[in-house]
Protein backbone atom coordinates (compact mmCIF):
# COMPACT_ATOMS: atom_id res chain seq x y z
CA MET A 1 -14.40 -2.46 -0.66
CA SER A 2 -11.37 -1.72 -0.79
CA GLU A 3 -9.86 0.56 -3.46
CA ILE A 4 -7.46 -2.12 -5.14
CA LYS A 5 -10.82 -5.05 -4.63
CA SER A 6 -13.19 -2.23 -6.20
CA PHE A 7 -10.39 -1.89 -9.31
CA LEU A 8 -10.20 -5.61 -10.13
CA HIS A 9 -14.38 -5.66 -9.82
CA GLN A 10 -14.70 -3.04 -12.75
CA PHE A 11 -11.54 -4.08 -14.64
CA CYS A 12 -13.92 -7.83 -14.28
CA GLN A 13 -17.01 -5.63 -15.64
CA LYS A 14 -15.28 -4.76 -18.54
CA ASN A 15 -14.12 -8.02 -19.74
CA LYS A 16 -17.75 -9.39 -18.53
CA VAL A 17 -16.18 -11.83 -16.18
CA GLU A 18 -16.73 -12.66 -12.03
CA PRO A 19 -14.01 -12.60 -10.09
CA GLN A 20 -13.72 -15.66 -7.58
CA PHE A 21 -12.35 -15.27 -3.94
CA GLU A 22 -11.74 -18.58 -1.83
CA VAL A 23 -10.53 -17.43 1.31
CA ARG A 24 -10.17 -20.08 3.84
CA PRO A 25 -8.10 -19.97 7.63
CA THR A 26 -4.98 -21.11 7.96
CA GLY A 27 -2.48 -21.64 10.82
CA PRO A 28 -2.83 -22.26 14.60
CA LYS A 29 -5.95 -21.08 16.24
CA HIS A 30 -4.07 -19.12 18.73
CA ARG A 31 -2.25 -17.21 15.54
CA GLN A 32 -4.87 -17.75 12.78
CA ARG A 33 -4.19 -16.40 9.59
CA PHE A 34 -6.50 -16.38 6.32
CA LEU A 35 -5.20 -17.20 2.99
CA CYS A 36 -7.57 -16.00 0.17
CA GLU A 37 -6.96 -16.84 -3.72
CA VAL A 38 -8.78 -14.84 -6.82
CA ARG A 39 -9.51 -17.21 -9.71
CA VAL A 40 -11.40 -14.98 -12.88
CA ALA A 41 -12.53 -16.74 -15.75
CA GLY A 42 -9.72 -16.84 -18.90
CA TYR A 43 -6.68 -15.87 -16.84
CA THR A 44 -4.60 -19.70 -15.48
CA TYR A 45 -3.41 -16.90 -12.95
CA VAL A 46 -4.52 -17.26 -9.05
CA GLY A 47 -3.58 -14.17 -7.29
CA ALA A 48 -2.79 -15.09 -3.33
CA GLY A 49 -3.07 -13.46 -0.17
CA ASN A 50 -3.27 -13.84 3.59
CA SER A 51 -3.45 -11.70 6.67
CA THR A 52 -4.82 -11.88 9.62
CA ASN A 53 -8.49 -10.94 8.88
CA LYS A 54 -10.46 -12.18 5.39
CA LYS A 55 -10.77 -8.28 4.65
CA ASP A 56 -6.72 -7.83 3.87
CA ALA A 57 -6.16 -11.10 2.68
CA GLN A 58 -8.89 -10.58 -0.16
CA SER A 59 -7.01 -6.89 -0.71
CA ASN A 60 -4.04 -8.66 -0.56
CA ALA A 61 -4.76 -11.32 -3.31
CA SER A 62 -6.67 -8.51 -5.29
CA ARG A 63 -3.23 -6.62 -5.37
CA ASP A 64 -1.59 -9.58 -6.95
CA PHE A 65 -4.13 -10.28 -9.20
CA VAL A 66 -3.69 -6.73 -10.85
CA SER A 67 0.01 -6.51 -10.50
CA PHE A 68 -0.10 -9.52 -12.72
CA LEU A 69 -2.49 -8.28 -15.28
CA VAL A 70 0.28 -5.28 -15.22
CA ARG A 71 2.84 -7.27 -16.03
CA GLN A 72 1.20 -9.50 -18.78
CA GLY A 73 0.28 -5.73 -20.62
CA HIS A 74 -3.95 -6.13 -19.53
CA VAL A 75 -3.57 -3.38 -17.32
CA ASN A 76 -1.64 0.42 -18.16
CA SER A 77 0.41 0.97 -14.45
CA LYS A 78 -0.64 3.98 -14.63
CA ASP A 79 -4.54 3.22 -14.89
CA VAL A 80 -3.98 1.82 -10.83
CA PRO A 81 -4.53 4.49 -8.46
CA THR A 82 -1.39 5.02 -7.14
CA ASP A 83 -1.98 4.73 -3.22
CA LEU A 84 -1.36 1.26 -4.09
CA GLY A 85 2.04 0.59 -4.00
CA LEU A 86 2.12 -0.89 -6.90
CA THR A 87 4.92 -0.16 -8.39
CA GLY A 88 7.24 -2.58 -11.18
CA GLY A 89 5.57 -5.35 -9.50
CA ASN A 90 5.47 -5.58 -6.36
CA THR A 91 3.41 -8.18 -4.82
CA ALA A 92 4.16 -8.35 -1.37
CA ALA A 93 3.67 -4.60 -0.67
CA PRO A 94 2.02 -3.03 2.35
CA ASP A 95 -1.55 -2.11 3.30
CA SER A 96 -1.86 1.26 1.89
CA GLY A 97 -3.04 2.24 5.68
CA LEU A 98 1.01 1.38 7.42
CA ALA A 99 3.80 3.40 6.90
CA PRO A 100 7.11 2.14 6.07
CA SER A 101 8.67 1.38 9.06
CA GLY A 102 11.98 3.15 7.94
CA PRO A 103 13.58 4.80 5.09
CA GLN A 104 13.73 3.55 1.73
CA HIS A 105 17.77 2.35 1.07
CA SER A 106 18.84 2.15 -2.71
CA VAL A 107 20.27 -0.99 -3.18
CA PHE A 108 22.92 0.93 -5.99
CA ARG A 109 25.78 3.61 -5.21
CA GLU A 110 25.58 6.81 -6.23
CA GLY A 111 26.65 7.05 -10.09
CA THR A 112 25.42 3.18 -10.50
CA GLY A 113 22.25 0.81 -11.33
CA PRO A 114 21.34 -2.22 -12.73
CA ALA A 115 23.32 -2.09 -15.80
CA SER A 116 25.90 -1.79 -14.04
CA LEU A 117 26.80 -5.16 -12.74
CA GLY A 118 30.41 -5.67 -13.89
CA GLU A 119 31.39 -4.06 -10.48
CA ALA A 120 29.71 -7.07 -8.60
CA TYR A 121 31.93 -9.71 -9.99
CA LYS A 122 35.72 -7.37 -9.05
CA GLY A 123 37.79 -9.39 -6.90
CA VAL A 124 38.90 -7.32 -4.05
CA ASP A 125 42.82 -6.36 -5.24
CA GLN A 126 41.47 -5.47 -8.78
CA ARG A 127 39.67 -2.24 -7.13
CA ASP A 128 42.56 -0.43 -8.19
CA GLY A 129 44.64 -1.18 -4.88
CA GLN A 130 43.06 1.38 -2.68
CA TRP A 131 41.82 -0.67 -0.02
CA SER A 132 42.41 0.15 3.06
CA TYR A 133 42.03 -0.78 6.38
CA MET A 134 39.16 1.52 7.24
CA ASP A 135 38.01 0.87 3.95
CA ARG A 136 37.53 -2.67 4.49
CA VAL A 137 36.02 -1.85 8.23
CA GLN A 138 33.02 0.17 6.76
CA GLN A 139 32.75 -2.72 4.37
CA GLN A 140 32.23 -4.89 7.03
CA LYS A 141 29.95 -3.01 8.45
CA GLN A 142 28.05 -2.46 5.59
CA VAL A 143 27.73 -5.78 4.75
CA GLU A 144 26.08 -6.50 8.62
CA GLU A 145 23.79 -3.92 8.43
CA ALA A 146 22.48 -5.87 4.91
CA GLU A 147 22.01 -8.89 6.56
CA ASP A 148 19.87 -7.57 9.78
CA LEU A 149 17.70 -5.99 6.97
CA ASP A 150 14.29 -7.94 7.14
CA VAL A 151 13.51 -7.96 3.29
CA ASN A 152 9.92 -9.75 4.67
CA ALA A 153 9.53 -7.66 6.78
CA GLN A 154 6.26 -6.76 5.22
CA ILE A 155 4.73 -10.15 5.10
CA HIS A 156 4.35 -10.01 8.66
CA GLY A 157 3.18 -6.54 9.29
CA ASN A 158 7.00 -4.61 9.46
CA TRP A 159 7.36 -6.84 12.43
CA THR A 160 11.15 -6.71 13.77
CA ILE A 161 12.83 -8.22 16.95
CA GLU A 162 13.67 -4.46 17.56
CA ASN A 163 10.76 -3.80 16.95
CA ALA A 164 9.14 -6.83 18.99
CA LYS A 165 11.70 -6.37 21.68
CA SER A 166 10.92 -2.54 21.92
CA LYS A 167 6.46 -3.14 22.51
CA LEU A 168 7.21 -6.19 25.35
CA HIS A 169 9.63 -3.63 27.29
CA GLN A 170 7.48 -0.94 26.38
CA PHE A 171 4.39 -3.46 27.75
CA LEU A 172 6.22 -4.86 30.59
CA GLN A 173 7.13 -1.23 31.98
CA SER A 174 3.58 0.49 31.43
CA ASN A 175 2.31 -2.50 33.38
CA LYS A 176 4.62 -2.68 35.96
CA ILE A 177 5.69 -5.65 35.52
CA ASN A 178 9.17 -6.84 36.71
CA THR A 179 10.36 -9.74 34.58
CA ASP A 180 12.92 -11.83 34.40
CA TYR A 181 13.93 -13.61 30.85
CA ARG A 182 16.80 -14.28 28.72
CA TYR A 183 17.10 -14.96 24.95
CA SER A 184 18.29 -18.42 23.52
CA PRO A 185 17.99 -19.28 20.13
CA ILE A 186 16.40 -22.52 19.23
CA GLY A 187 16.75 -24.87 16.14
CA PRO A 188 19.84 -26.25 14.28
CA ASP A 189 23.12 -25.24 15.29
CA HIS A 190 23.82 -24.13 11.33
CA THR A 191 21.03 -21.55 12.02
CA LYS A 192 21.77 -20.16 15.17
């Protein structure tokens, strides 16, 4: 049993209730996933988790429910084991065995934080008139990098387009497979 799941069971034993896990398969048969819902008597919240196997789905549902308990103040966040990645209600934390795919970048500039949101509402010409061509190019580059960032990568196992292409090329080369393929966007025109 995973550490987060045992933590949830300990919490439930202290409160003399039993967690009810309901696991069901979802998705197509060739890419099956499991959706787990955990319910605890006395709480209206339903913890949800999904994964490619039942055990991880139960762990993710337990993590979701424990983060709910932390947000509601029923459990102190310091009581939750630290290796669970539970920081401020982040319910989409990766499995504790997976390493992050890259360095974590701060959303805010140095010297600013969530309290200084006034900067976000300034117009282009209101920044002391100090905009040069290079400043605009740098800002455009930062915007493009931010658009490429996949904030939901943890949901699908930290796979990105670049990771998938790299692994595909590595597989083809290691198995000496010569292939000719092309990438073509699919979907409505506005999503291409």
